[in-house]
N, C-alpha and C. Protein backbone atom coordinates (compact mmCIF):
# COMPACT_ATOMS: atom_id res chain seq x y z
N MET A 1 104.19 48.40 108.17
CA MET A 1 102.71 48.68 108.00
C MET A 1 102.46 48.99 106.60
N ILE A 2 103.14 49.93 105.92
CA ILE A 2 102.97 50.14 104.47
C ILE A 2 103.22 48.89 103.53
N LYS A 3 104.26 48.12 103.97
CA LYS A 3 104.29 46.95 102.96
C LYS A 3 103.13 45.95 102.97
N SER A 4 102.77 45.66 104.32
CA SER A 4 101.73 44.94 104.57
C SER A 4 100.41 45.28 104.06
N MET A 5 100.38 46.64 104.01
CA MET A 5 98.96 47.21 103.48
C MET A 5 98.86 47.13 102.07
N ALA A 6 100.04 47.25 101.27
CA ALA A 6 99.96 47.15 99.90
C ALA A 6 99.89 45.74 99.44
N MET A 7 100.47 44.89 100.16
CA MET A 7 100.10 43.27 99.92
C MET A 7 98.97 42.82 100.20
N LEU A 8 98.24 43.71 101.21
CA LEU A 8 96.71 42.93 101.45
C LEU A 8 95.89 43.79 100.65
N LEU A 9 96.26 44.74 100.09
CA LEU A 9 95.01 45.63 99.21
C LEU A 9 94.63 44.75 98.05
N PHE A 10 95.33 43.79 97.63
CA PHE A 10 95.09 42.98 96.50
C PHE A 10 94.84 41.37 96.90
N SER A 11 94.76 41.05 98.08
CA SER A 11 94.49 39.70 98.31
C SER A 11 93.21 39.59 99.44
N ALA A 12 92.47 38.35 99.43
CA ALA A 12 91.31 38.16 100.19
C ALA A 12 91.79 37.06 101.19
N THR A 13 91.59 37.50 102.43
CA THR A 13 92.03 36.39 103.34
C THR A 13 90.75 36.28 104.57
N PRO A 14 90.77 35.34 105.31
CA PRO A 14 89.54 35.38 106.51
C PRO A 14 89.58 36.74 107.27
N PHE A 15 88.47 36.92 107.67
CA PHE A 15 88.13 38.13 108.39
C PHE A 15 88.30 37.66 110.06
N ILE A 16 89.10 38.66 110.67
CA ILE A 16 89.32 38.22 112.06
C ILE A 16 88.82 39.34 112.94
N TYR A 17 88.17 39.17 113.98
CA TYR A 17 87.58 40.31 114.82
C TYR A 17 88.27 40.31 116.25
N ALA A 18 88.73 41.66 116.43
CA ALA A 18 89.53 41.73 117.71
C ALA A 18 88.88 43.00 118.45
N PRO A 19 88.10 42.88 119.53
CA PRO A 19 87.39 44.24 119.83
C PRO A 19 88.46 44.95 120.74
N PRO A 20 88.54 46.10 120.59
CA PRO A 20 89.18 47.09 121.37
C PRO A 20 88.63 47.28 122.90
N VAL A 21 89.40 47.92 123.76
CA VAL A 21 89.11 48.22 125.06
C VAL A 21 88.97 49.67 125.02
N TYR A 22 88.06 50.05 125.93
CA TYR A 22 87.73 51.54 126.38
C TYR A 22 87.87 51.69 127.88
N ALA A 23 88.52 52.94 128.29
CA ALA A 23 88.64 53.23 129.61
C ALA A 23 88.43 54.88 129.61
N GLU A 24 88.19 55.17 130.87
CA GLU A 24 88.22 56.72 131.34
C GLU A 24 87.31 57.70 130.57
N PRO A 25 86.20 57.35 130.26
CA PRO A 25 85.25 58.26 129.52
C PRO A 25 84.93 59.61 130.12
N ASP A 26 85.02 59.76 131.37
CA ASP A 26 85.03 60.91 132.12
C ASP A 26 85.97 61.86 131.79
N ILE A 27 87.23 61.28 131.52
CA ILE A 27 88.49 62.20 131.23
C ILE A 27 88.40 62.68 129.62
N ALA A 28 88.24 61.59 128.79
CA ALA A 28 88.31 61.68 127.57
C ALA A 28 87.43 62.63 126.81
N CYS A 29 86.24 62.60 127.53
CA CYS A 29 85.04 63.34 126.88
C CYS A 29 85.35 64.88 127.26
N GLN A 30 86.41 65.30 128.05
CA GLN A 30 86.60 66.67 128.35
C GLN A 30 87.64 67.33 127.30
N TYR A 31 88.27 66.55 126.47
CA TYR A 31 89.18 66.85 125.48
C TYR A 31 88.97 67.54 123.88
N GLY A 32 87.42 67.51 123.82
CA GLY A 32 87.05 67.98 122.52
C GLY A 32 86.74 69.23 122.06
N THR A 33 87.82 70.19 122.64
CA THR A 33 88.15 71.49 122.27
C THR A 33 89.47 71.79 121.92
N PRO A 34 89.79 72.68 120.93
CA PRO A 34 91.17 72.87 120.81
C PRO A 34 91.73 73.39 121.96
N ASP A 35 91.17 74.16 122.65
CA ASP A 35 91.97 74.75 123.89
C ASP A 35 92.32 73.68 125.12
N ALA A 36 91.19 72.67 125.11
CA ALA A 36 91.69 71.81 125.89
C ALA A 36 92.54 70.73 125.46
N TRP A 37 92.45 70.57 124.33
CA TRP A 37 93.58 69.59 123.68
C TRP A 37 94.89 70.45 123.60
N ASP A 38 95.11 71.56 123.58
CA ASP A 38 96.30 72.22 123.90
C ASP A 38 97.08 72.02 125.10
N GLN A 39 96.06 71.89 126.20
CA GLN A 39 96.53 71.97 127.44
C GLN A 39 97.08 70.49 127.84
N ILE A 40 96.58 69.39 127.15
CA ILE A 40 96.98 68.11 127.41
C ILE A 40 97.57 67.15 126.44
N SER A 41 97.69 67.88 125.10
CA SER A 41 98.18 67.17 124.07
C SER A 41 99.83 66.87 124.32
N PRO A 42 100.43 67.40 125.23
CA PRO A 42 102.02 66.92 125.46
C PRO A 42 101.99 65.78 126.02
N MET A 43 101.07 65.05 126.82
CA MET A 43 101.28 63.95 127.63
C MET A 43 100.84 62.87 126.64
N TYR A 44 100.51 63.00 125.27
CA TYR A 44 100.46 62.12 124.30
C TYR A 44 101.61 61.86 123.37
N VAL A 45 102.66 62.55 123.82
CA VAL A 45 103.94 62.53 123.23
C VAL A 45 104.72 61.06 123.74
N GLY A 46 105.29 60.29 122.90
CA GLY A 46 106.04 59.11 123.34
C GLY A 46 105.81 58.06 122.54
N SER A 47 106.13 56.86 122.97
CA SER A 47 105.99 55.58 122.22
C SER A 47 104.37 54.73 122.44
N TRP A 48 103.96 54.55 121.50
CA TRP A 48 102.46 53.82 121.44
C TRP A 48 102.68 52.55 120.61
N ASN A 49 101.89 51.70 121.14
CA ASN A 49 101.61 50.34 120.33
C ASN A 49 100.30 50.58 119.30
N ILE A 50 100.61 50.26 118.24
CA ILE A 50 99.41 50.31 117.25
C ILE A 50 99.03 48.78 116.72
N ALA A 51 97.85 48.56 116.85
CA ALA A 51 97.17 47.41 116.67
C ALA A 51 96.45 47.64 115.31
N HIS A 52 96.69 46.94 114.22
CA HIS A 52 95.73 47.11 113.03
C HIS A 52 94.80 45.88 113.08
N HIS A 53 93.52 46.44 113.40
CA HIS A 53 92.32 45.29 113.36
C HIS A 53 91.80 45.12 112.08
N SER A 54 90.83 44.34 111.91
CA SER A 54 90.18 43.90 110.73
C SER A 54 89.52 45.16 109.98
N GLY A 55 89.16 44.91 108.62
CA GLY A 55 88.67 45.95 107.73
C GLY A 55 88.35 45.53 106.49
N PHE A 56 88.11 46.28 105.54
CA PHE A 56 87.67 45.97 104.26
C PHE A 56 88.72 46.62 103.21
N VAL A 57 88.70 45.98 101.96
CA VAL A 57 89.40 46.52 100.76
C VAL A 57 88.22 46.56 99.70
N VAL A 58 88.03 47.72 99.22
CA VAL A 58 87.13 47.83 98.16
C VAL A 58 88.22 48.04 96.68
N ALA A 59 88.00 47.11 95.77
CA ALA A 59 88.62 47.29 94.62
C ALA A 59 87.73 47.29 93.24
N GLY A 60 87.65 48.37 92.71
CA GLY A 60 86.42 48.21 91.53
C GLY A 60 85.11 48.00 92.30
N THR A 61 84.38 47.08 91.81
CA THR A 61 83.14 46.57 92.60
C THR A 61 83.30 45.44 93.53
N MET A 62 84.37 44.92 93.80
CA MET A 62 84.65 44.02 94.74
C MET A 62 84.98 44.48 96.03
N THR A 63 84.22 43.93 96.93
CA THR A 63 84.77 44.17 98.46
C THR A 63 85.43 42.88 99.05
N MET A 64 86.53 42.99 99.87
CA MET A 64 87.22 41.85 100.47
C MET A 64 87.47 42.16 101.77
N PRO A 65 87.49 41.05 102.68
CA PRO A 65 87.92 41.38 103.93
C PRO A 65 89.32 41.68 104.15
N PHE A 66 89.73 42.59 104.83
CA PHE A 66 91.03 43.07 105.30
C PHE A 66 91.10 42.36 106.71
N PRO A 67 92.19 41.44 106.84
CA PRO A 67 92.24 40.86 108.20
C PRO A 67 93.21 41.63 109.15
N ALA A 68 92.95 41.43 110.43
CA ALA A 68 93.77 41.98 111.45
C ALA A 68 95.25 41.84 111.04
N SER A 69 96.21 42.48 111.51
CA SER A 69 97.71 42.13 111.31
C SER A 69 98.00 41.05 112.26
N GLY A 70 97.43 40.70 113.14
CA GLY A 70 97.97 39.72 113.94
C GLY A 70 99.28 40.06 115.02
N GLY A 71 99.51 41.35 115.08
CA GLY A 71 100.84 41.63 115.95
C GLY A 71 100.48 43.20 116.39
N VAL A 72 101.30 43.53 117.18
CA VAL A 72 101.36 44.95 117.51
C VAL A 72 102.61 45.68 117.26
N GLU A 73 102.57 46.86 116.40
CA GLU A 73 103.90 47.46 116.09
C GLU A 73 103.93 48.62 116.97
N ALA A 74 105.20 49.30 116.72
CA ALA A 74 105.47 50.54 117.60
C ALA A 74 105.39 51.70 116.80
N MET A 75 105.04 52.70 117.50
CA MET A 75 104.69 54.06 116.71
C MET A 75 105.06 55.03 117.66
N GLY A 76 105.67 56.02 117.10
CA GLY A 76 106.00 57.36 118.04
C GLY A 76 105.07 58.47 117.61
N ILE A 77 104.92 59.34 118.82
CA ILE A 77 104.27 60.60 118.46
C ILE A 77 105.16 61.62 119.19
N GLU A 78 105.68 62.62 118.33
CA GLU A 78 106.53 63.69 118.70
C GLU A 78 105.81 64.92 118.52
N MET A 79 106.46 66.02 119.09
CA MET A 79 105.62 67.38 119.07
C MET A 79 106.65 68.30 118.50
N LEU A 80 106.24 68.82 117.46
CA LEU A 80 107.10 69.88 116.70
C LEU A 80 107.44 71.25 117.71
N PRO A 81 108.23 72.13 117.34
CA PRO A 81 108.30 73.11 118.19
C PRO A 81 106.93 74.23 117.90
N SER A 82 106.24 73.87 116.96
CA SER A 82 104.91 74.63 116.66
C SER A 82 103.74 74.18 117.55
N GLY A 83 103.97 72.79 118.31
CA GLY A 83 103.02 72.20 119.16
C GLY A 83 102.30 71.23 118.42
N GLN A 84 102.44 71.05 116.98
CA GLN A 84 101.74 70.02 116.18
C GLN A 84 102.37 68.77 116.68
N LEU A 85 101.38 67.66 116.68
CA LEU A 85 102.01 66.32 116.82
C LEU A 85 102.27 65.58 115.67
N VAL A 86 103.29 64.82 115.38
CA VAL A 86 103.41 63.93 114.34
C VAL A 86 103.53 62.54 114.69
N GLY A 87 103.16 61.56 113.93
CA GLY A 87 103.37 60.19 113.99
C GLY A 87 104.56 59.75 113.29
N THR A 88 105.27 58.94 113.85
CA THR A 88 106.54 58.19 113.07
C THR A 88 106.27 56.64 113.17
N HIS A 89 106.59 55.85 112.35
CA HIS A 89 106.73 54.67 112.16
C HIS A 89 107.61 54.25 111.38
N PRO A 90 108.52 52.89 111.88
CA PRO A 90 109.70 52.56 110.99
C PRO A 90 109.64 52.29 109.61
N GLU A 91 108.24 52.07 109.11
CA GLU A 91 108.13 51.67 107.77
C GLU A 91 107.68 52.96 106.96
N ALA A 92 107.29 53.87 107.64
CA ALA A 92 106.67 55.06 107.07
C ALA A 92 107.86 55.81 106.28
N GLN A 93 107.44 56.33 105.00
CA GLN A 93 108.36 57.12 104.22
C GLN A 93 108.39 58.53 104.65
N ALA A 94 107.49 59.08 105.61
CA ALA A 94 107.64 60.38 106.11
C ALA A 94 106.93 60.39 107.29
N PRO A 95 107.01 61.11 108.22
CA PRO A 95 106.36 61.36 109.51
C PRO A 95 104.84 61.77 109.02
N ILE A 96 103.85 61.45 110.03
CA ILE A 96 102.38 61.79 109.58
C ILE A 96 102.18 62.87 110.49
N PRO A 97 101.83 64.10 109.92
CA PRO A 97 101.42 65.22 110.72
C PRO A 97 99.87 65.20 111.03
N PHE A 98 99.66 65.33 112.31
CA PHE A 98 98.34 65.53 112.69
C PHE A 98 97.85 66.69 112.96
N ILE A 99 96.74 67.07 112.38
CA ILE A 99 95.86 68.16 112.68
C ILE A 99 94.64 67.98 113.54
N TRP A 100 94.29 69.04 114.22
CA TRP A 100 92.93 68.92 114.83
C TRP A 100 91.71 68.85 113.85
N ALA A 101 91.21 67.95 114.15
CA ALA A 101 89.66 67.58 113.22
C ALA A 101 88.69 68.75 113.52
N ASP A 102 88.84 69.69 112.59
CA ASP A 102 87.83 70.59 112.48
C ASP A 102 86.61 70.25 111.53
N GLU A 103 85.99 69.27 111.69
CA GLU A 103 85.02 68.56 110.88
C GLU A 103 83.70 68.18 111.80
N PRO A 104 82.65 67.89 111.21
CA PRO A 104 81.50 67.61 111.70
C PRO A 104 81.82 66.13 112.35
N PRO A 105 81.00 65.77 113.60
CA PRO A 105 81.15 64.44 114.07
C PRO A 105 81.26 63.30 113.04
N TRP A 106 82.35 62.46 113.32
CA TRP A 106 82.51 61.37 112.32
C TRP A 106 81.46 60.38 112.69
N ARG A 107 81.20 59.68 111.48
CA ARG A 107 80.24 58.45 111.36
C ARG A 107 80.86 57.71 110.29
N PHE A 108 81.71 56.79 111.17
CA PHE A 108 82.52 55.91 110.38
C PHE A 108 81.70 54.82 109.61
N GLU A 109 80.60 54.45 109.91
CA GLU A 109 79.58 53.53 109.23
C GLU A 109 79.35 54.23 107.91
N ALA A 110 78.72 55.39 108.08
CA ALA A 110 78.18 56.04 106.84
C ALA A 110 79.34 56.22 105.85
N ASP A 111 80.43 56.66 106.24
CA ASP A 111 81.62 57.05 105.37
C ASP A 111 82.16 55.66 104.78
N ALA A 112 82.05 54.57 105.39
CA ALA A 112 82.41 53.27 104.73
C ALA A 112 81.39 52.82 103.94
N ALA A 113 80.01 53.06 104.03
CA ALA A 113 78.97 52.86 103.16
C ALA A 113 79.24 53.39 101.95
N LYS A 114 79.67 54.82 102.02
CA LYS A 114 79.88 55.48 100.75
C LYS A 114 80.94 54.72 99.85
N ASP A 115 81.91 54.27 100.39
CA ASP A 115 83.01 53.44 99.69
C ASP A 115 82.58 52.28 99.20
N GLY A 116 81.40 51.84 99.68
CA GLY A 116 80.80 50.39 99.35
C GLY A 116 81.41 49.54 100.36
N ALA A 117 81.84 49.73 101.52
CA ALA A 117 82.38 48.71 102.63
C ALA A 117 81.57 48.43 103.66
N PRO A 118 81.42 47.45 104.30
CA PRO A 118 80.70 47.32 105.56
C PRO A 118 81.23 48.33 106.56
N ALA A 119 80.39 48.42 107.60
CA ALA A 119 81.05 49.24 108.74
C ALA A 119 82.22 48.72 109.42
N PRO A 120 82.93 49.55 109.93
CA PRO A 120 84.12 49.14 110.79
C PRO A 120 83.85 48.46 111.88
N LEU A 121 85.05 47.98 112.30
CA LEU A 121 85.15 47.10 113.56
C LEU A 121 84.11 47.62 114.61
N LEU A 122 84.34 49.04 114.79
CA LEU A 122 83.53 49.70 115.90
C LEU A 122 83.01 50.95 115.34
N SER A 123 81.76 51.11 115.20
CA SER A 123 81.32 52.31 114.58
C SER A 123 81.34 53.47 115.55
N SER A 124 81.29 54.66 114.86
CA SER A 124 81.18 55.86 115.83
C SER A 124 80.11 55.93 116.77
N SER A 125 79.01 55.38 116.37
CA SER A 125 77.81 55.28 117.35
C SER A 125 78.20 54.31 118.56
N GLU A 126 78.97 53.24 118.39
CA GLU A 126 79.36 52.40 119.20
C GLU A 126 80.07 53.13 120.30
N VAL A 127 81.36 53.77 119.67
CA VAL A 127 82.26 54.60 120.41
C VAL A 127 81.46 55.58 121.39
N GLU A 128 80.28 56.33 120.86
CA GLU A 128 79.72 57.27 121.79
C GLU A 128 78.97 56.53 122.93
N ASN A 129 78.27 55.25 122.62
CA ASN A 129 77.84 54.60 123.60
C ASN A 129 78.73 54.20 124.72
N ARG A 130 79.95 53.84 124.36
CA ARG A 130 80.87 53.29 125.25
C ARG A 130 81.73 54.36 126.02
N MET A 131 81.71 55.75 125.31
CA MET A 131 82.47 56.58 125.99
C MET A 131 81.35 57.43 126.81
N GLU A 132 80.01 57.42 126.65
CA GLU A 132 78.99 58.10 127.19
C GLU A 132 79.06 59.37 126.92
N CYS A 133 79.40 59.85 125.64
CA CYS A 133 79.34 61.32 125.15
C CYS A 133 79.60 61.02 123.59
N GLY A 134 79.15 62.32 123.00
CA GLY A 134 79.32 62.47 121.52
C GLY A 134 80.69 62.54 121.15
N VAL A 135 80.69 61.72 120.06
CA VAL A 135 82.27 62.08 119.49
C VAL A 135 82.82 63.22 119.21
N GLU A 136 81.87 64.39 118.98
CA GLU A 136 82.46 65.73 119.01
C GLU A 136 82.94 66.32 120.34
N ASN A 137 82.62 65.40 121.17
CA ASN A 137 83.30 65.82 122.73
C ASN A 137 84.69 65.19 122.85
N LEU A 138 85.16 64.45 121.86
CA LEU A 138 86.38 63.64 122.03
C LEU A 138 87.39 64.51 121.28
N ALA A 139 88.81 64.42 121.72
CA ALA A 139 89.83 65.14 120.86
C ALA A 139 89.80 64.32 119.63
N ARG A 140 89.82 64.67 118.54
CA ARG A 140 89.85 63.83 117.21
C ARG A 140 91.08 64.52 116.42
N LEU A 141 91.82 63.67 115.97
CA LEU A 141 93.07 64.05 115.11
C LEU A 141 93.07 63.51 113.76
N ILE A 142 93.61 64.17 112.76
CA ILE A 142 93.76 63.54 111.33
C ILE A 142 95.05 63.72 110.83
N GLY A 143 95.62 62.58 110.57
CA GLY A 143 96.92 62.51 109.82
C GLY A 143 96.70 62.20 108.43
N HIS A 144 97.38 62.81 107.66
CA HIS A 144 97.63 62.55 106.13
C HIS A 144 98.98 62.35 105.79
N THR A 145 99.15 61.41 104.90
CA THR A 145 100.59 61.15 104.38
C THR A 145 100.17 60.18 102.91
N GLN A 146 101.41 60.16 102.12
CA GLN A 146 101.44 59.45 100.92
C GLN A 146 102.87 58.57 100.96
N ALA A 147 102.48 57.46 100.36
CA ALA A 147 103.59 56.51 100.28
C ALA A 147 103.42 55.82 98.77
N THR A 148 104.65 55.65 98.26
CA THR A 148 104.77 54.91 96.87
C THR A 148 105.35 53.41 97.15
N VAL A 149 104.56 52.67 96.94
CA VAL A 149 104.89 51.18 96.97
C VAL A 149 104.82 50.56 95.54
N ASP A 150 105.86 49.81 95.00
CA ASP A 150 105.78 49.42 93.84
C ASP A 150 105.32 50.25 92.71
N GLY A 151 105.72 51.56 92.77
CA GLY A 151 105.26 52.28 91.62
C GLY A 151 103.85 52.72 91.83
N ILE A 152 103.06 52.24 92.92
CA ILE A 152 101.73 52.74 93.11
C ILE A 152 101.67 53.79 94.47
N VAL A 153 101.10 54.96 93.99
CA VAL A 153 100.95 56.09 94.97
C VAL A 153 99.78 55.78 95.86
N MET A 154 99.91 55.54 97.24
CA MET A 154 98.85 55.50 98.10
C MET A 154 98.67 56.86 99.00
N ASP A 155 97.38 57.11 98.90
CA ASP A 155 96.98 58.45 99.89
C ASP A 155 96.46 57.57 101.18
N MET A 156 97.07 58.08 102.26
CA MET A 156 96.77 57.51 103.64
C MET A 156 96.19 58.64 104.53
N THR A 157 94.97 58.17 105.03
CA THR A 157 94.65 59.21 106.19
C THR A 157 94.30 58.11 107.33
N LEU A 158 94.65 58.79 108.65
CA LEU A 158 94.43 58.23 109.81
C LEU A 158 93.65 59.18 110.61
N ARG A 159 92.43 58.83 111.16
CA ARG A 159 91.64 59.52 111.80
C ARG A 159 91.47 58.92 113.24
N LEU A 160 91.88 59.58 114.26
CA LEU A 160 91.89 59.11 115.49
C LEU A 160 91.19 59.93 116.50
N MET A 161 90.45 59.10 117.48
CA MET A 161 89.73 59.68 118.59
C MET A 161 90.35 59.25 119.83
N VAL A 162 90.61 60.22 120.59
CA VAL A 162 91.40 59.98 121.79
C VAL A 162 90.30 59.53 122.95
N VAL A 163 90.36 58.27 123.28
CA VAL A 163 89.42 57.75 124.16
C VAL A 163 89.97 57.40 125.48
N GLY A 164 90.95 57.85 126.02
CA GLY A 164 91.68 57.92 127.12
C GLY A 164 92.90 58.37 127.33
N ARG A 165 93.92 58.41 128.56
CA ARG A 165 95.03 58.82 128.54
C ARG A 165 96.14 58.06 127.69
N HIS A 166 95.62 56.50 127.71
CA HIS A 166 96.54 55.65 127.10
C HIS A 166 96.03 55.15 125.98
N GLN A 167 94.95 55.53 125.51
CA GLN A 167 94.24 54.87 124.38
C GLN A 167 93.59 56.08 123.25
N MET A 168 93.91 55.36 121.78
CA MET A 168 92.98 56.16 120.90
C MET A 168 92.57 55.22 119.79
N TYR A 169 91.52 55.44 119.13
CA TYR A 169 90.83 54.45 118.38
C TYR A 169 90.63 55.33 116.98
N GLY A 170 90.77 54.54 116.05
CA GLY A 170 90.41 55.29 114.81
C GLY A 170 90.32 54.43 113.67
N ILE A 171 90.17 55.04 112.43
CA ILE A 171 90.11 54.25 111.03
C ILE A 171 91.40 54.62 110.27
N PHE A 172 92.15 53.82 109.64
CA PHE A 172 93.12 54.00 108.60
C PHE A 172 92.68 53.69 107.36
N HIS A 173 92.67 54.76 106.44
CA HIS A 173 91.93 54.64 105.22
C HIS A 173 92.98 54.85 104.31
N THR A 174 93.16 54.13 103.14
CA THR A 174 94.11 54.29 101.98
C THR A 174 93.21 54.42 100.70
N SER A 175 93.77 55.20 99.71
CA SER A 175 93.03 55.12 98.43
C SER A 175 94.44 55.17 97.45
N ALA A 176 94.02 54.38 96.18
CA ALA A 176 95.03 54.43 95.36
C ALA A 176 94.57 54.03 94.06
N MET A 177 95.35 54.17 92.95
CA MET A 177 94.81 53.59 91.49
C MET A 177 95.76 52.47 91.15
N SER A 178 95.17 51.37 90.78
CA SER A 178 96.03 50.15 90.53
C SER A 178 95.51 49.65 89.12
N GLY A 179 96.20 49.71 88.09
CA GLY A 179 95.89 49.20 86.81
C GLY A 179 94.43 50.03 86.19
N GLY A 180 94.41 51.14 86.56
CA GLY A 180 93.39 51.72 86.09
C GLY A 180 91.97 51.68 87.03
N MET A 181 92.11 51.11 88.14
CA MET A 181 91.16 50.59 89.07
C MET A 181 91.38 51.35 90.44
N PRO A 182 90.33 52.16 91.01
CA PRO A 182 90.31 52.52 92.21
C PRO A 182 90.36 51.57 93.19
N VAL A 183 91.16 51.65 94.28
CA VAL A 183 91.37 50.84 95.31
C VAL A 183 91.33 51.45 96.49
N LYS A 184 90.39 51.18 97.54
CA LYS A 184 90.36 51.68 98.91
C LYS A 184 90.31 50.85 99.94
N SER A 185 90.81 50.98 101.08
CA SER A 185 90.67 50.44 102.34
C SER A 185 90.42 50.99 103.43
N TRP A 186 89.72 50.40 104.38
CA TRP A 186 89.32 50.81 105.60
C TRP A 186 89.61 49.89 106.73
N ARG A 187 90.46 50.20 107.71
CA ARG A 187 90.86 49.35 108.66
C ARG A 187 90.76 50.12 110.21
N ALA A 188 90.35 49.43 111.00
CA ALA A 188 90.27 50.05 112.61
C ALA A 188 91.61 49.84 113.27
N VAL A 189 92.00 50.78 113.93
CA VAL A 189 93.37 50.85 114.57
C VAL A 189 93.10 51.21 115.96
N MET A 190 93.98 50.49 116.68
CA MET A 190 93.93 51.10 118.32
C MET A 190 95.34 51.32 118.75
N LEU A 191 95.57 52.51 119.34
CA LEU A 191 96.92 52.92 119.94
C LEU A 191 96.74 52.71 121.27
N THR A 192 97.75 51.96 121.83
CA THR A 192 97.68 52.01 123.32
C THR A 192 99.08 52.21 123.88
N ARG A 193 99.28 52.36 125.05
CA ARG A 193 100.46 52.50 125.83
C ARG A 193 100.62 51.98 127.18
């Protein structure tokens, strides 16, 4: 995941569209409070498949397509004794700790526009339409980590919305400085099991 991310940050390839699938909106729309999430978060521990969908890379003033990875990788979610969930991946340099998103409702399309990138595969508004509830009614998790690849430090943020018992959708965002130029990427991800 990290190696492929670093390689693709600097190359332009064809844009591939792969739509995610949603289920169980009546269940997921009840997870949007910390108390509700605390009750059901243990059932999200275990092995997950993560698919990296298409997105965009912004390098300086250039915006380039960031293609789907074309495969599915394994990702684990574990629970620390404190109750915090952490994500593990074979290529990750460290586990990704997830925190409860105590933020206003996400607007992926607006955030991408601030970075100069087109809207992601599925906008927050589209998620709301498919789930039949506002994003703020879904459990939302944020994972932050850093990785150093070929001497370049990449800050990585994974924002996930729980959209069912067996599905999470989100945006994987990276930022780095390469040769004095800011490089950012946005890529949609889907976790399933």
